[in-house]
């Protein structure tokens, strides 16, 4: 019993001492950063894009910004990937072209926004009264 309590306390202490995965980097700072020119991005395809997240997120602003970006992008990719097949092929290609052309460090965030905006715009075209 003592061993279990000791392990639980050590586990709690270890978790408390490890810094949070997402640093306190303002969203506005992440919104203003772009991918370095030497980073190669994959060509648009119908399959889910495998963007090089660490390379995309690495900037001259240090590890804190890079870590915050990587964490956020991995979370967004995990959310977007299961829904990928629900989007129209033309939207998949068009949105990938848009985000890789702009080269903003938050590729998956921008890709999800683009796809959802195109889906919403198509719905609004079919339902002009919102019903």
Protein backbone atom coordinates (compact mmCIF):
# COMPACT_ATOMS: atom_id res chain seq x y z
CA UNK A 1 0.00 0.00 0.00
CA UNK A 2 2.86 2.37 0.85
CA UNK A 3 4.45 1.67 -2.53
CA UNK A 4 1.24 2.64 -4.35
CA UNK A 5 0.94 5.91 -2.43
CA UNK A 6 4.60 6.73 -3.05
CA UNK A 7 4.24 6.05 -6.77
CA UNK A 8 1.07 8.14 -6.93
CA UNK A 9 2.80 11.05 -5.20
CA UNK A 10 5.81 10.80 -7.49
CA UNK A 11 3.54 10.67 -10.53
CA UNK A 12 1.68 13.75 -9.33
CA UNK A 13 4.94 15.55 -8.68
CA UNK A 14 6.30 14.60 -12.11
CA UNK A 15 3.18 15.89 -13.84
CA UNK A 16 3.26 19.11 -11.84
CA UNK A 17 6.92 19.73 -12.68
CA UNK A 18 6.61 19.18 -16.43
CA UNK A 19 5.75 22.37 -18.31
CA UNK A 20 2.45 22.47 -20.14
CA UNK A 21 2.56 21.24 -23.73
CA UNK A 22 1.09 24.50 -24.98
CA UNK A 23 3.10 27.50 -23.90
CA UNK A 24 1.61 30.88 -23.18
CA UNK A 25 2.12 32.21 -26.68
CA UNK A 26 -0.53 34.71 -27.72
CA UNK A 27 -2.70 33.54 -30.61
CA UNK A 28 -2.00 36.86 -32.33
CA UNK A 29 1.71 36.01 -32.42
CA UNK A 30 1.04 32.64 -34.04
CA UNK A 31 -1.33 34.34 -36.48
CA UNK A 32 1.42 36.65 -37.70
CA UNK A 33 4.07 34.04 -38.57
CA UNK A 34 4.86 32.39 -41.88
CA UNK A 35 6.75 29.28 -42.99
CA UNK A 36 10.39 29.77 -43.90
CA UNK A 37 11.01 29.83 -47.69
CA UNK A 38 13.30 26.77 -47.63
CA UNK A 39 10.60 24.49 -46.19
CA UNK A 40 9.10 22.29 -48.91
CA UNK A 41 5.36 21.65 -48.67
CA UNK A 42 3.64 18.66 -50.29
CA UNK A 43 1.67 19.19 -53.47
CA UNK A 44 -2.12 19.24 -53.10
CA UNK A 45 -3.69 15.78 -53.28
CA UNK A 46 -6.99 14.08 -52.52
CA UNK A 47 -5.42 12.21 -49.60
CA UNK A 48 -5.10 13.88 -46.22
CA UNK A 49 -2.04 16.16 -46.34
CA UNK A 50 0.98 15.23 -44.25
CA UNK A 51 2.44 18.65 -43.62
CA UNK A 52 5.89 18.73 -41.95
CA UNK A 53 4.53 20.31 -38.77
CA UNK A 54 7.84 20.79 -36.95
CA UNK A 55 9.49 22.39 -39.99
CA UNK A 56 6.40 24.52 -40.66
CA UNK A 57 6.29 25.77 -37.10
CA UNK A 58 10.00 26.44 -36.61
CA UNK A 59 10.65 30.18 -36.61
CA UNK A 60 13.33 32.53 -35.41
CA UNK A 61 11.18 33.34 -32.38
CA UNK A 62 12.34 30.40 -30.30
CA UNK A 63 11.26 27.06 -28.94
CA UNK A 64 8.27 28.40 -27.01
CA UNK A 65 6.58 29.59 -30.20
CA UNK A 66 7.57 26.44 -32.09
CA UNK A 67 6.22 24.16 -29.35
CA UNK A 68 2.94 26.07 -29.10
CA UNK A 69 2.47 25.88 -32.86
CA UNK A 70 3.38 22.17 -33.09
CA UNK A 71 0.99 21.26 -30.27
CA UNK A 72 -1.89 23.23 -31.76
CA UNK A 73 -1.31 21.89 -35.28
CA UNK A 74 -1.12 18.26 -34.12
CA UNK A 75 -4.44 18.73 -32.30
CA UNK A 76 -6.04 20.28 -35.38
CA UNK A 77 -4.77 17.49 -37.64
CA UNK A 78 -6.24 14.88 -35.30
CA UNK A 79 -9.63 16.59 -35.51
CA UNK A 80 -9.56 17.23 -39.26
CA UNK A 81 -8.30 13.86 -40.48
CA UNK A 82 -11.37 11.75 -39.53
CA UNK A 83 -13.65 14.23 -41.32
CA UNK A 84 -11.47 14.47 -44.46
CA UNK A 85 -13.61 12.21 -46.65
CA UNK A 86 -16.72 14.31 -45.99
CA UNK A 87 -15.36 17.23 -48.02
CA UNK A 88 -15.72 17.63 -51.78
CA UNK A 89 -12.64 16.75 -53.82
CA UNK A 90 -12.55 20.18 -55.46
CA UNK A 91 -12.56 21.83 -52.03
CA UNK A 92 -9.76 19.58 -50.77
CA UNK A 93 -7.50 20.53 -53.68
CA UNK A 94 -8.49 24.20 -53.73
CA UNK A 95 -7.98 24.70 -50.01
CA UNK A 96 -4.62 22.92 -50.01
CA UNK A 97 -3.52 25.18 -52.87
CA UNK A 98 -4.63 28.23 -50.89
CA UNK A 99 -2.90 27.36 -47.62
CA UNK A 100 0.35 26.24 -49.25
CA UNK A 101 0.42 29.42 -51.34
CA UNK A 102 -0.09 31.67 -48.29
CA UNK A 103 2.45 29.63 -46.21
CA UNK A 104 1.08 30.62 -42.82
CA UNK A 105 2.55 28.44 -40.03
CA UNK A 106 -0.86 27.13 -38.97
CA UNK A 107 -1.58 25.08 -42.09
CA UNK A 108 -4.11 22.66 -40.57
CA UNK A 109 -6.02 25.50 -38.89
CA UNK A 110 -6.23 27.41 -42.16
CA UNK A 111 -7.10 24.25 -44.12
CA UNK A 112 -9.97 23.41 -41.76
CA UNK A 113 -11.27 26.99 -41.94
CA UNK A 114 -11.13 27.01 -45.74
CA UNK A 115 -12.92 23.66 -46.05
CA UNK A 116 -15.65 24.63 -43.61
CA UNK A 117 -16.11 28.04 -45.23
CA UNK A 118 -16.52 26.47 -48.67
CA UNK A 119 -19.01 23.95 -47.28
CA UNK A 120 -20.97 26.72 -45.56
CA UNK A 121 -20.93 28.92 -48.68
CA UNK A 122 -22.29 26.01 -50.75
CA UNK A 123 -25.02 25.40 -48.16
CA UNK A 124 -25.95 29.12 -48.16
CA UNK A 125 -26.20 29.03 -51.97
CA UNK A 126 -28.69 26.12 -51.72
CA UNK A 127 -30.51 27.67 -48.74
CA UNK A 128 -30.60 31.42 -49.35
CA UNK A 129 -33.13 31.95 -46.55
CA UNK A 130 -31.01 30.05 -44.06
CA UNK A 131 -33.46 27.17 -43.81
